[in-house]
Every structure is written in structure tokens, then in C-alpha cells.
N, C-alpha and C. Protein backbone atom coordinates (compact mmCIF):
# COMPACT_ATOMS: atom_id res chain seq x y z
N MET A 1 96.63 237.21 99.80
CA MET A 1 95.98 237.90 98.67
C MET A 1 96.95 238.18 97.56
N ASN A 2 96.63 237.92 96.33
CA ASN A 2 97.49 238.19 95.19
C ASN A 2 96.95 239.39 94.46
N LYS A 3 97.60 240.47 94.56
CA LYS A 3 97.16 241.73 93.92
C LYS A 3 97.32 241.76 92.40
N ASN A 4 97.96 240.72 91.87
CA ASN A 4 98.20 240.61 90.44
C ASN A 4 97.05 239.93 89.73
N GLU A 5 96.04 239.40 90.57
CA GLU A 5 94.87 238.80 90.11
C GLU A 5 93.69 239.60 90.59
N LYS A 6 92.54 239.32 90.07
CA LYS A 6 91.27 240.06 90.50
C LYS A 6 91.08 239.69 92.04
N PHE A 7 90.99 240.74 92.85
CA PHE A 7 90.83 240.60 94.25
C PHE A 7 89.63 241.45 94.80
N VAL A 8 89.34 241.19 96.09
CA VAL A 8 88.38 242.02 96.82
C VAL A 8 89.01 242.13 98.24
N ILE A 9 89.03 243.44 98.66
CA ILE A 9 89.44 243.78 99.96
C ILE A 9 88.31 244.37 100.76
N THR A 10 87.94 243.79 101.88
CA THR A 10 86.78 244.33 102.67
C THR A 10 87.36 244.98 103.97
N ILE A 11 86.81 246.08 104.33
CA ILE A 11 87.21 246.81 105.50
C ILE A 11 86.01 247.07 106.39
N ASN A 12 86.03 246.33 107.57
CA ASN A 12 85.09 246.74 108.58
C ASN A 12 85.69 247.70 109.53
N ARG A 13 84.99 248.60 110.07
CA ARG A 13 85.61 249.63 110.92
C ARG A 13 84.64 250.07 112.02
N GLU A 14 85.29 250.59 113.07
CA GLU A 14 84.47 251.24 114.09
C GLU A 14 84.31 252.70 113.72
N MET A 15 83.10 253.27 114.02
CA MET A 15 82.87 254.69 113.66
C MET A 15 83.92 255.50 114.42
N GLY A 16 84.54 256.45 113.75
CA GLY A 16 85.46 257.36 114.29
C GLY A 16 86.94 256.79 114.19
N SER A 17 87.11 255.59 113.57
CA SER A 17 88.44 255.02 113.38
C SER A 17 89.07 255.55 112.14
N GLY A 18 88.26 256.08 111.16
CA GLY A 18 88.81 256.58 109.88
C GLY A 18 88.86 255.43 108.89
N GLY A 19 88.22 254.27 109.13
CA GLY A 19 88.24 253.14 108.20
C GLY A 19 87.72 253.40 106.90
N ARG A 20 86.66 254.21 106.73
CA ARG A 20 86.06 254.54 105.42
C ARG A 20 87.06 255.35 104.61
N THR A 21 87.71 256.28 105.25
CA THR A 21 88.74 257.09 104.49
C THR A 21 89.88 256.20 104.12
N VAL A 22 90.27 255.29 104.93
CA VAL A 22 91.39 254.32 104.65
C VAL A 22 90.98 253.49 103.45
N GLY A 23 89.71 253.05 103.38
CA GLY A 23 89.27 252.23 102.25
C GLY A 23 89.34 253.01 100.93
N ARG A 24 88.82 254.25 100.98
CA ARG A 24 88.91 255.09 99.82
C ARG A 24 90.28 255.34 99.30
N LYS A 25 91.19 255.64 100.25
CA LYS A 25 92.62 255.97 99.87
C LYS A 25 93.31 254.69 99.40
N LEU A 26 92.99 253.62 99.99
CA LEU A 26 93.57 252.31 99.59
C LEU A 26 93.20 252.04 98.15
N ALA A 27 91.88 252.16 97.88
CA ALA A 27 91.39 251.89 96.52
C ALA A 27 92.12 252.83 95.48
N GLU A 28 92.30 254.11 95.83
CA GLU A 28 93.02 255.01 95.02
C GLU A 28 94.44 254.58 94.76
N LYS A 29 95.15 254.07 95.78
CA LYS A 29 96.51 253.66 95.65
C LYS A 29 96.57 252.40 94.76
N LEU A 30 95.63 251.54 94.89
CA LEU A 30 95.61 250.26 94.10
C LEU A 30 94.89 250.49 92.72
N ASN A 31 94.34 251.66 92.53
CA ASN A 31 93.66 251.98 91.27
C ASN A 31 92.57 250.97 91.00
N VAL A 32 91.68 250.78 91.99
CA VAL A 32 90.52 249.86 91.81
C VAL A 32 89.26 250.56 92.29
N GLU A 33 88.13 249.88 92.09
CA GLU A 33 86.89 250.46 92.46
C GLU A 33 86.75 250.60 94.01
N PHE A 34 86.01 251.54 94.46
CA PHE A 34 85.78 251.65 95.93
C PHE A 34 84.25 251.72 96.07
N CYS A 35 83.79 250.97 97.09
CA CYS A 35 82.32 250.73 97.39
C CYS A 35 82.11 250.92 98.83
N ASP A 36 81.08 251.71 99.16
CA ASP A 36 80.69 251.81 100.61
C ASP A 36 79.19 251.91 100.78
N LYS A 37 78.79 252.12 102.02
CA LYS A 37 77.34 252.17 102.36
C LYS A 37 76.63 253.25 101.51
N ALA A 38 77.27 254.39 101.33
CA ALA A 38 76.55 255.49 100.53
C ALA A 38 76.25 255.04 99.19
N LEU A 39 77.18 254.37 98.50
CA LEU A 39 76.92 253.93 97.15
C LEU A 39 75.85 252.88 97.05
N ILE A 40 75.87 251.87 97.95
CA ILE A 40 74.87 250.83 97.96
C ILE A 40 73.50 251.48 98.23
N ARG A 41 73.43 252.34 99.21
CA ARG A 41 72.10 252.95 99.57
C ARG A 41 71.58 253.71 98.48
N ALA A 42 72.44 254.52 97.77
CA ALA A 42 72.08 255.41 96.68
C ALA A 42 71.47 254.50 95.51
N LEU A 43 72.14 253.41 95.26
CA LEU A 43 71.66 252.52 94.17
C LEU A 43 70.31 251.90 94.54
N THR A 44 70.24 251.38 95.72
CA THR A 44 68.95 250.70 96.06
C THR A 44 67.79 251.65 96.20
N GLU A 45 68.08 252.88 96.76
CA GLU A 45 66.99 253.79 96.85
C GLU A 45 66.57 254.45 95.46
N LYS A 46 67.52 254.73 94.71
CA LYS A 46 67.15 255.39 93.40
C LYS A 46 66.44 254.39 92.50
N PHE A 47 66.87 253.15 92.46
CA PHE A 47 66.24 252.30 91.52
C PHE A 47 65.38 251.21 92.15
N SER A 48 65.03 251.30 93.45
CA SER A 48 64.16 250.43 94.14
C SER A 48 64.46 248.92 93.81
N LEU A 49 65.71 248.59 93.89
CA LEU A 49 66.10 247.27 93.37
C LEU A 49 65.53 246.12 94.25
N SER A 50 65.30 245.00 93.54
CA SER A 50 65.00 243.77 94.17
C SER A 50 65.89 242.73 93.68
N THR A 51 65.89 241.58 94.39
CA THR A 51 66.79 240.51 93.83
C THR A 51 66.35 240.03 92.45
N GLU A 52 64.97 240.03 92.24
CA GLU A 52 64.50 239.60 90.90
C GLU A 52 64.97 240.57 89.82
N GLU A 53 64.98 241.85 90.11
CA GLU A 53 65.41 242.87 89.11
C GLU A 53 66.88 242.78 88.83
N ILE A 54 67.63 242.48 89.85
CA ILE A 54 69.09 242.27 89.64
C ILE A 54 69.39 241.10 88.80
N GLU A 55 68.62 239.99 89.01
CA GLU A 55 68.81 238.79 88.16
C GLU A 55 68.53 239.09 86.73
N LYS A 56 67.50 239.87 86.44
CA LYS A 56 67.19 240.28 85.12
C LYS A 56 68.28 241.10 84.50
N MET A 57 68.86 242.06 85.25
CA MET A 57 69.96 242.88 84.83
C MET A 57 71.18 242.02 84.45
N LYS A 58 71.46 240.99 85.30
CA LYS A 58 72.57 240.14 85.01
C LYS A 58 72.44 239.39 83.68
N GLY A 59 71.22 239.01 83.43
CA GLY A 59 70.88 238.30 82.11
C GLY A 59 71.06 239.22 80.92
N ARG A 60 70.88 240.52 81.13
CA ARG A 60 71.03 241.44 80.02
C ARG A 60 72.43 241.94 79.78
N SER A 61 73.25 242.02 80.90
CA SER A 61 74.60 242.62 80.77
C SER A 61 75.48 242.04 81.83
N HIS A 62 76.74 241.77 81.47
CA HIS A 62 77.69 241.33 82.54
C HIS A 62 78.16 242.45 83.42
N SER A 63 78.01 243.72 82.84
CA SER A 63 78.38 244.81 83.65
C SER A 63 77.15 245.66 84.15
N TRP A 64 76.18 244.81 84.57
CA TRP A 64 74.89 245.44 85.09
C TRP A 64 75.11 246.47 86.16
N TRP A 65 76.03 246.25 87.06
CA TRP A 65 76.28 247.15 88.15
C TRP A 65 76.90 248.46 87.64
N ARG A 66 77.76 248.36 86.65
CA ARG A 66 78.36 249.56 86.06
C ARG A 66 77.30 250.42 85.31
N ASP A 67 76.39 249.69 84.63
CA ASP A 67 75.29 250.44 84.04
C ASP A 67 74.47 251.24 85.09
N LEU A 68 74.27 250.62 86.28
CA LEU A 68 73.52 251.31 87.33
C LEU A 68 74.40 252.54 87.82
N LEU A 69 75.68 252.36 87.92
CA LEU A 69 76.56 253.51 88.36
C LEU A 69 76.51 254.67 87.36
N ASN A 70 76.51 254.28 86.11
CA ASN A 70 76.46 255.32 85.06
C ASN A 70 75.14 256.05 85.13
N ARG A 71 74.03 255.27 85.31
CA ARG A 71 72.73 255.95 85.42
C ARG A 71 72.61 256.77 86.63
N LEU A 72 73.34 256.41 87.67
CA LEU A 72 73.36 257.21 88.93
C LEU A 72 74.12 258.47 88.75
N GLY A 73 74.86 258.53 87.64
CA GLY A 73 75.75 259.79 87.38
C GLY A 73 77.12 259.70 88.03
N GLU A 74 77.60 258.48 88.32
CA GLU A 74 78.93 258.49 89.04
C GLU A 74 79.77 257.54 88.21
N GLY A 75 80.89 257.94 87.72
CA GLY A 75 81.70 257.11 86.96
C GLY A 75 82.88 256.46 87.62
N GLN A 76 83.17 256.75 88.86
CA GLN A 76 84.30 256.28 89.51
C GLN A 76 84.03 255.30 90.64
N GLY A 77 82.82 254.95 90.85
CA GLY A 77 82.49 253.99 91.96
C GLY A 77 82.29 254.58 93.25
N MET A 78 82.23 255.94 93.28
CA MET A 78 82.02 256.63 94.58
C MET A 78 80.93 257.74 94.42
N ILE A 79 80.25 258.02 95.43
CA ILE A 79 79.37 259.14 95.48
C ILE A 79 80.07 260.43 95.90
N PRO A 80 79.83 261.56 95.20
CA PRO A 80 80.44 262.79 95.58
C PRO A 80 80.15 263.10 97.08
N THR A 81 81.07 263.70 97.77
CA THR A 81 80.93 263.96 99.21
C THR A 81 79.61 264.52 99.55
N GLY A 82 79.20 265.57 98.82
CA GLY A 82 77.99 266.29 99.07
C GLY A 82 76.71 265.44 98.95
N GLN A 83 76.84 264.25 98.30
CA GLN A 83 75.66 263.47 98.18
C GLN A 83 75.60 262.24 99.08
N ILE A 84 76.55 262.12 99.98
CA ILE A 84 76.57 260.98 100.83
C ILE A 84 75.37 261.14 101.88
N PRO A 85 74.56 260.10 102.00
CA PRO A 85 73.42 260.19 102.96
C PRO A 85 74.04 260.37 104.39
N THR A 86 73.30 261.07 105.25
CA THR A 86 73.80 261.36 106.58
C THR A 86 72.93 260.57 107.56
N LYS A 87 71.93 259.80 107.16
CA LYS A 87 71.18 259.09 108.13
C LYS A 87 72.03 258.02 108.80
N LEU A 88 71.72 257.73 110.11
CA LEU A 88 72.49 256.82 110.83
C LEU A 88 71.77 255.45 110.83
N ASP A 89 70.52 255.42 110.45
CA ASP A 89 69.83 254.11 110.50
C ASP A 89 70.34 253.20 109.42
N ILE A 90 70.23 251.88 109.74
CA ILE A 90 70.74 250.86 108.86
C ILE A 90 69.57 249.92 108.42
N PRO A 91 69.31 249.76 107.16
CA PRO A 91 68.23 248.95 106.76
C PRO A 91 68.40 247.47 107.27
N THR A 92 67.29 246.91 107.74
CA THR A 92 67.42 245.60 108.37
C THR A 92 66.50 244.54 107.78
N THR A 93 65.85 244.86 106.69
CA THR A 93 64.99 243.85 106.08
C THR A 93 65.85 242.82 105.30
N GLU A 94 65.38 241.59 105.28
CA GLU A 94 66.21 240.62 104.57
C GLU A 94 66.25 240.86 103.10
N GLU A 95 65.25 241.46 102.53
CA GLU A 95 65.29 241.73 101.10
C GLU A 95 66.47 242.68 100.80
N ILE A 96 66.60 243.77 101.59
CA ILE A 96 67.55 244.74 101.41
C ILE A 96 69.00 244.13 101.55
N PHE A 97 69.13 243.29 102.54
CA PHE A 97 70.41 242.68 102.80
C PHE A 97 70.77 241.84 101.55
N LYS A 98 69.82 241.07 101.09
CA LYS A 98 70.07 240.27 99.78
C LYS A 98 70.43 241.13 98.63
N VAL A 99 69.71 242.27 98.47
CA VAL A 99 70.05 243.13 97.31
C VAL A 99 71.40 243.72 97.52
N GLU A 100 71.80 244.14 98.68
CA GLU A 100 73.09 244.69 98.91
C GLU A 100 74.18 243.68 98.64
N THR A 101 73.94 242.42 99.05
CA THR A 101 74.82 241.33 98.78
C THR A 101 75.05 241.13 97.33
N GLU A 102 73.95 241.10 96.61
CA GLU A 102 74.05 240.89 95.14
C GLU A 102 74.86 241.98 94.48
N ILE A 103 74.62 243.22 94.92
CA ILE A 103 75.40 244.35 94.36
C ILE A 103 76.85 244.21 94.61
N LEU A 104 77.20 243.86 95.87
CA LEU A 104 78.60 243.72 96.22
C LEU A 104 79.24 242.61 95.34
N LYS A 105 78.59 241.47 95.24
CA LYS A 105 79.16 240.36 94.48
C LYS A 105 79.26 240.76 93.01
N GLY A 106 78.35 241.53 92.48
CA GLY A 106 78.38 241.95 91.16
C GLY A 106 79.57 242.84 90.91
N ILE A 107 79.94 243.73 91.81
CA ILE A 107 81.03 244.57 91.72
C ILE A 107 82.35 243.75 91.71
N ALA A 108 82.42 242.81 92.67
CA ALA A 108 83.63 242.02 92.80
C ALA A 108 83.83 241.08 91.68
N GLU A 109 82.76 240.57 91.09
CA GLU A 109 82.89 239.67 89.97
C GLU A 109 83.44 240.38 88.73
N SER A 110 83.19 241.72 88.66
CA SER A 110 83.57 242.48 87.45
C SER A 110 84.98 242.93 87.50
N ALA A 111 85.45 243.35 88.71
CA ALA A 111 86.72 243.98 88.82
C ALA A 111 87.28 243.92 90.29
N SER A 112 88.54 244.14 90.41
CA SER A 112 89.08 244.26 91.77
C SER A 112 88.48 245.44 92.45
N CYS A 113 88.33 245.36 93.75
CA CYS A 113 87.70 246.42 94.48
C CYS A 113 88.05 246.47 95.90
N VAL A 114 87.74 247.56 96.59
CA VAL A 114 87.84 247.74 98.00
C VAL A 114 86.40 248.10 98.53
N ILE A 115 85.97 247.37 99.47
CA ILE A 115 84.60 247.56 100.03
C ILE A 115 84.70 247.84 101.52
N THR A 116 84.03 248.94 101.96
CA THR A 116 83.93 249.21 103.45
C THR A 116 82.56 248.92 103.96
N GLY A 117 82.56 248.28 105.12
CA GLY A 117 81.30 247.98 105.71
C GLY A 117 80.44 246.93 105.04
N ARG A 118 79.13 246.92 105.30
CA ARG A 118 78.12 246.04 104.67
C ARG A 118 78.45 244.63 104.91
N SER A 119 79.02 244.22 105.97
CA SER A 119 79.32 242.80 106.26
C SER A 119 80.15 242.14 105.22
N GLY A 120 81.05 242.91 104.69
CA GLY A 120 81.81 242.35 103.56
C GLY A 120 82.62 241.06 103.91
N PHE A 121 83.10 240.99 105.16
CA PHE A 121 83.87 239.90 105.67
C PHE A 121 83.06 238.58 105.47
N PHE A 122 81.80 238.76 105.61
CA PHE A 122 80.86 237.58 105.54
C PHE A 122 80.47 237.22 104.11
N VAL A 123 80.14 238.30 103.35
CA VAL A 123 79.72 238.10 101.95
C VAL A 123 80.85 237.42 101.14
N PHE A 124 82.05 237.82 101.45
CA PHE A 124 83.19 237.25 100.64
C PHE A 124 84.04 236.26 101.34
N ARG A 125 83.43 235.63 102.38
CA ARG A 125 84.17 234.70 103.20
C ARG A 125 84.74 233.48 102.44
N ASN A 126 84.10 233.15 101.33
CA ASN A 126 84.61 232.00 100.52
C ASN A 126 85.30 232.46 99.22
N GLU A 127 85.54 233.71 99.14
CA GLU A 127 86.24 234.25 97.98
C GLU A 127 87.67 233.86 98.08
N PRO A 128 88.34 233.25 97.16
CA PRO A 128 89.79 232.82 97.40
C PRO A 128 90.77 233.99 97.45
N ASN A 129 90.53 235.01 96.68
CA ASN A 129 91.46 236.11 96.64
C ASN A 129 90.85 237.35 97.36
N HIS A 130 90.63 237.11 98.68
CA HIS A 130 89.98 238.12 99.54
C HIS A 130 90.73 238.44 100.71
N LEU A 131 90.92 239.75 101.03
CA LEU A 131 91.63 240.15 102.23
C LEU A 131 90.58 240.92 103.07
N SER A 132 90.43 240.45 104.33
CA SER A 132 89.46 241.03 105.28
C SER A 132 90.21 241.78 106.36
N ILE A 133 89.80 243.04 106.59
CA ILE A 133 90.48 243.94 107.42
C ILE A 133 89.52 244.57 108.42
N LEU A 134 89.93 244.67 109.65
CA LEU A 134 89.23 245.44 110.68
C LEU A 134 90.02 246.65 111.13
N VAL A 135 89.47 247.78 111.13
CA VAL A 135 90.19 249.01 111.57
C VAL A 135 89.41 249.45 112.90
N GLN A 136 90.15 249.43 114.00
CA GLN A 136 89.57 249.80 115.28
C GLN A 136 90.32 251.06 115.82
N ALA A 137 89.79 251.58 116.91
CA ALA A 137 90.41 252.69 117.64
C ALA A 137 89.83 252.76 119.07
N SER A 138 90.64 253.38 119.92
CA SER A 138 90.19 253.52 121.32
C SER A 138 89.06 254.50 121.31
N MET A 139 88.29 254.48 122.35
CA MET A 139 87.14 255.42 122.44
C MET A 139 87.55 256.88 122.43
N PRO A 140 88.62 257.30 123.16
CA PRO A 140 89.03 258.71 123.15
C PRO A 140 89.36 259.08 121.66
N HIS A 141 90.04 258.24 120.91
CA HIS A 141 90.43 258.50 119.50
C HIS A 141 89.14 258.68 118.70
N ARG A 142 88.22 257.81 118.87
CA ARG A 142 86.89 257.89 118.11
C ARG A 142 86.16 259.07 118.41
N ILE A 143 85.97 259.44 119.72
CA ILE A 143 85.28 260.67 120.10
C ILE A 143 85.88 261.88 119.55
N GLU A 144 87.19 262.07 119.59
CA GLU A 144 87.86 263.26 119.15
C GLU A 144 87.70 263.37 117.62
N ARG A 145 87.74 262.22 116.83
CA ARG A 145 87.64 262.28 115.47
C ARG A 145 86.25 262.68 115.02
N VAL A 146 85.22 262.06 115.68
CA VAL A 146 83.82 262.32 115.36
C VAL A 146 83.44 263.77 115.68
N MET A 147 83.99 264.29 116.83
CA MET A 147 83.78 265.68 117.14
C MET A 147 84.30 266.57 116.09
N ARG A 148 85.52 266.25 115.59
CA ARG A 148 86.14 267.08 114.63
C ARG A 148 85.53 267.04 113.30
N LYS A 149 85.25 265.78 112.83
CA LYS A 149 84.72 265.62 111.47
C LYS A 149 83.26 265.96 111.35
N GLN A 150 82.46 265.79 112.45
CA GLN A 150 81.06 266.08 112.22
C GLN A 150 80.65 267.26 113.07
N ASN A 151 81.58 268.02 113.64
CA ASN A 151 81.31 269.28 114.34
C ASN A 151 80.35 268.95 115.57
N MET A 152 80.64 268.00 116.37
CA MET A 152 79.70 267.62 117.43
C MET A 152 80.40 267.93 118.79
N THR A 153 79.52 268.04 119.78
CA THR A 153 80.09 268.20 121.12
C THR A 153 80.60 266.75 121.59
N GLU A 154 81.27 266.72 122.67
CA GLU A 154 81.70 265.40 123.20
C GLU A 154 80.53 264.55 123.56
N GLU A 155 79.51 265.07 124.13
CA GLU A 155 78.33 264.26 124.46
C GLU A 155 77.61 263.75 123.22
N GLU A 156 77.50 264.61 122.25
CA GLU A 156 76.84 264.21 121.01
C GLU A 156 77.68 263.11 120.37
N ALA A 157 78.91 263.21 120.31
CA ALA A 157 79.76 262.20 119.75
C ALA A 157 79.75 260.85 120.37
N ILE A 158 79.71 260.88 121.76
CA ILE A 158 79.58 259.69 122.46
C ILE A 158 78.21 258.91 122.18
N LYS A 159 77.12 259.78 122.22
CA LYS A 159 75.86 259.13 121.93
C LYS A 159 75.75 258.60 120.49
N THR A 160 76.35 259.33 119.59
CA THR A 160 76.27 258.89 118.16
C THR A 160 77.10 257.58 118.03
N ILE A 161 78.25 257.53 118.58
CA ILE A 161 79.10 256.31 118.51
C ILE A 161 78.42 255.08 119.09
N GLU A 162 77.88 255.29 120.34
CA GLU A 162 77.09 254.20 120.94
C GLU A 162 75.98 253.74 120.12
N LYS A 163 75.21 254.64 119.44
CA LYS A 163 74.08 254.23 118.69
C LYS A 163 74.50 253.54 117.48
N VAL A 164 75.57 253.99 116.74
CA VAL A 164 76.00 253.30 115.61
C VAL A 164 76.61 251.93 115.87
N ASP A 165 77.42 251.91 116.97
CA ASP A 165 77.96 250.64 117.35
C ASP A 165 76.89 249.58 117.55
N LYS A 166 75.83 249.99 118.28
CA LYS A 166 74.75 249.07 118.54
C LYS A 166 74.04 248.58 117.30
N MET A 167 73.75 249.52 116.40
CA MET A 167 73.03 249.24 115.17
C MET A 167 73.89 248.29 114.23
N ARG A 168 75.18 248.61 114.15
CA ARG A 168 75.98 247.80 113.25
C ARG A 168 76.19 246.44 113.84
N GLU A 169 76.35 246.28 115.11
CA GLU A 169 76.56 244.96 115.69
C GLU A 169 75.27 244.17 115.59
N ASN A 170 74.09 244.77 115.78
CA ASN A 170 72.84 244.07 115.62
C ASN A 170 72.65 243.58 114.20
N TYR A 171 73.02 244.42 113.28
CA TYR A 171 72.91 244.19 111.84
C TYR A 171 73.76 242.97 111.50
N VAL A 172 75.05 242.98 111.93
CA VAL A 172 75.96 241.84 111.65
C VAL A 172 75.51 240.56 112.27
N GLN A 173 75.08 240.63 113.51
CA GLN A 173 74.64 239.41 114.25
C GLN A 173 73.39 238.84 113.52
N LYS A 174 72.47 239.66 113.11
CA LYS A 174 71.23 239.20 112.44
C LYS A 174 71.54 238.44 111.20
N TYR A 175 72.40 238.99 110.30
CA TYR A 175 72.57 238.42 109.03
C TYR A 175 73.84 237.56 108.87
N THR A 176 74.70 237.49 109.82
CA THR A 176 75.85 236.65 109.69
C THR A 176 76.03 235.64 110.80
N ASN A 177 75.17 235.79 111.81
CA ASN A 177 75.30 234.93 113.03
C ASN A 177 76.67 234.93 113.57
N SER A 178 77.24 236.21 113.50
CA SER A 178 78.66 236.44 114.01
C SER A 178 78.69 237.76 114.62
N SER A 179 79.87 238.18 115.11
CA SER A 179 80.05 239.55 115.67
C SER A 179 81.09 240.26 114.81
N ARG A 180 80.86 241.56 114.66
CA ARG A 180 81.85 242.31 113.90
C ARG A 180 83.10 242.49 114.68
N TYR A 181 83.03 242.17 116.00
CA TYR A 181 84.23 242.29 116.77
C TYR A 181 85.05 241.02 116.89
N ASP A 182 84.57 239.92 116.29
CA ASP A 182 85.22 238.68 116.38
C ASP A 182 86.48 238.68 115.41
N THR A 183 87.60 238.71 115.94
CA THR A 183 88.77 238.90 115.07
C THR A 183 89.05 237.68 114.15
N ARG A 184 88.39 236.52 114.41
CA ARG A 184 88.56 235.43 113.57
C ARG A 184 87.96 235.66 112.17
N ASN A 185 87.14 236.75 112.04
CA ASN A 185 86.59 237.09 110.74
C ASN A 185 87.54 237.88 109.87
N TYR A 186 88.72 238.20 110.35
CA TYR A 186 89.64 239.08 109.68
C TYR A 186 91.04 238.57 109.53
N ASP A 187 91.67 238.85 108.43
CA ASP A 187 93.09 238.52 108.12
C ASP A 187 93.94 239.55 108.84
N LEU A 188 93.49 240.77 108.99
CA LEU A 188 94.41 241.82 109.51
C LEU A 188 93.53 242.75 110.40
N VAL A 189 94.01 243.06 111.65
CA VAL A 189 93.28 243.90 112.55
C VAL A 189 94.26 245.11 112.84
N ILE A 190 93.79 246.33 112.62
CA ILE A 190 94.68 247.44 112.79
C ILE A 190 94.05 248.44 113.84
N SER A 191 94.91 248.96 114.71
CA SER A 191 94.42 250.04 115.61
C SER A 191 94.79 251.36 114.99
N ALA A 192 93.87 252.26 114.91
CA ALA A 192 94.09 253.55 114.32
C ALA A 192 94.78 254.55 115.23
N ASP A 193 94.93 254.19 116.51
CA ASP A 193 95.50 255.09 117.49
C ASP A 193 96.97 255.44 117.09
N GLY A 194 97.21 256.69 117.05
CA GLY A 194 98.55 257.18 116.82
C GLY A 194 98.97 257.02 115.32
N LYS A 195 98.00 256.79 114.47
CA LYS A 195 98.33 256.67 113.02
C LYS A 195 97.42 257.55 112.24
N THR A 196 97.91 258.01 111.09
CA THR A 196 97.11 258.74 110.09
C THR A 196 96.45 257.69 109.18
N GLU A 197 95.45 258.18 108.45
CA GLU A 197 94.86 257.25 107.48
C GLU A 197 95.90 256.77 106.46
N ASP A 198 96.72 257.75 106.03
CA ASP A 198 97.80 257.36 105.06
C ASP A 198 98.74 256.30 105.63
N GLU A 199 99.05 256.37 106.88
CA GLU A 199 99.98 255.45 107.47
C GLU A 199 99.27 254.08 107.61
N ILE A 200 98.00 254.03 107.86
CA ILE A 200 97.25 252.77 107.86
C ILE A 200 97.25 252.19 106.48
N VAL A 201 97.05 252.94 105.48
CA VAL A 201 97.02 252.50 104.07
C VAL A 201 98.34 251.92 103.76
N ASN A 202 99.44 252.48 104.17
CA ASN A 202 100.78 252.00 103.93
C ASN A 202 101.00 250.71 104.61
N LEU A 203 100.49 250.58 105.87
CA LEU A 203 100.54 249.23 106.56
C LEU A 203 99.88 248.12 105.76
N ILE A 204 98.76 248.45 105.19
CA ILE A 204 97.99 247.41 104.50
C ILE A 204 98.73 247.04 103.18
N LEU A 205 99.31 248.13 102.50
CA LEU A 205 100.09 247.85 101.28
C LEU A 205 101.28 246.95 101.60
N GLN A 206 101.95 247.24 102.75
CA GLN A 206 103.08 246.44 103.09
C GLN A 206 102.68 245.01 103.38
N TYR A 207 101.48 244.79 103.98
CA TYR A 207 100.96 243.50 104.30
C TYR A 207 100.70 242.68 102.99
N ILE A 208 100.11 243.42 102.00
CA ILE A 208 99.81 242.76 100.76
C ILE A 208 101.07 242.38 100.03
N GLY A 209 102.10 243.27 100.15
CA GLY A 209 103.36 242.98 99.51
C GLY A 209 103.44 243.40 98.03
């Protein structure tokens, strides 16, 4: 990946690995846009977007997605922490997947960006200046982090992780005919065990060069 040209970095992650935080901090370090599930969901829910509506927006403005962000009331490409949806369910209709894909492509066409989740490895698989990353962690690491971050008991954390793992894998398999655990989908696979989010960000920056 050439960071001196327009690029897209996609980060898939296991719940409890800290991958979303890594993506946000990486975007800050690179001074580029950051996009995650919360942003996509907020856009699609607030504006009830369809692929037809997005095509119309594209015809009216090259920065159609930025117009949406401005209307959403967010100027930096991220939703304030207090506004992040907490639902664990993942939309699985084909129309929603198509809309999410169009939004992601619109962001990447306009500027360099870091995207977490949303099957980014698949959406941008043919993008020439694309870096695909998977952030993993052992189950004990994931459980401890989810307990700490979401104030859960160990039992609650285990059940939540198992539920999210299953939903995310089903989502990826349905729309990409692949597995989120298939390392062939990624340029770089990182274990979060024994590392802080900042240390993982530094590893990625070293890899980019």
C-alpha cells in the first residue's frame, strides 16, 4: 500500500480484540477518515437510504456521502461515543448490504480512509491501493476486555462474544461466500494478546512504512 496516494485500509476484528479502537487511532495517526458500523447504521437508519437514492445523490454531488455526514451532524467521519448504537444484531437483508457497500465505496472514492468491519476486505478486494487487516485475540483476552469495557460478568461476556462471533461469521459467509477467519483475505494478521491498541497501531504503521 502506498500511503502517499489515496488508499483504503480495512480492519476486520474479533469482538474484544480492540480492533475498532485500533482503527480509530490508526485513522487519527494517518489523518484520514474513519468509518465503522455505527456510522453506516446511523446513516442508513436516519435517511432510510436505498441504492436508488444513493445513485441520485451521486448524480447531484461527488461528495454525496460528506453531505450525508454533515446532515447527520458529524464533521469528522465518526459518531460521538454517546451516540453509538448498542444493538448487537446485524442487518442481513441484501438491500441493506448493497447500501452499506455503496456508502463504503463512496467514502473511499472521495478520500483515504480506515474502515472497520462491514466485510471491508471483500468490498475493496479489487482496490489497488488497499490494505486488509485482521485483528484477533485469544478468548481469555477477549473475555477480559469485554468484561472491563462493557461492565459484564464473565458469563455475560462469553455469551455476548459467542453471539456476535456467530452473527458476524454468518453475515460474512452470506454476502462474500468466504469466512472472516480465512487469513487469505488479509495482508496482515495481528494478535492483540500482550499488546496495547497503540502498540498495534505502531505495528501497522511500521508495516506500511
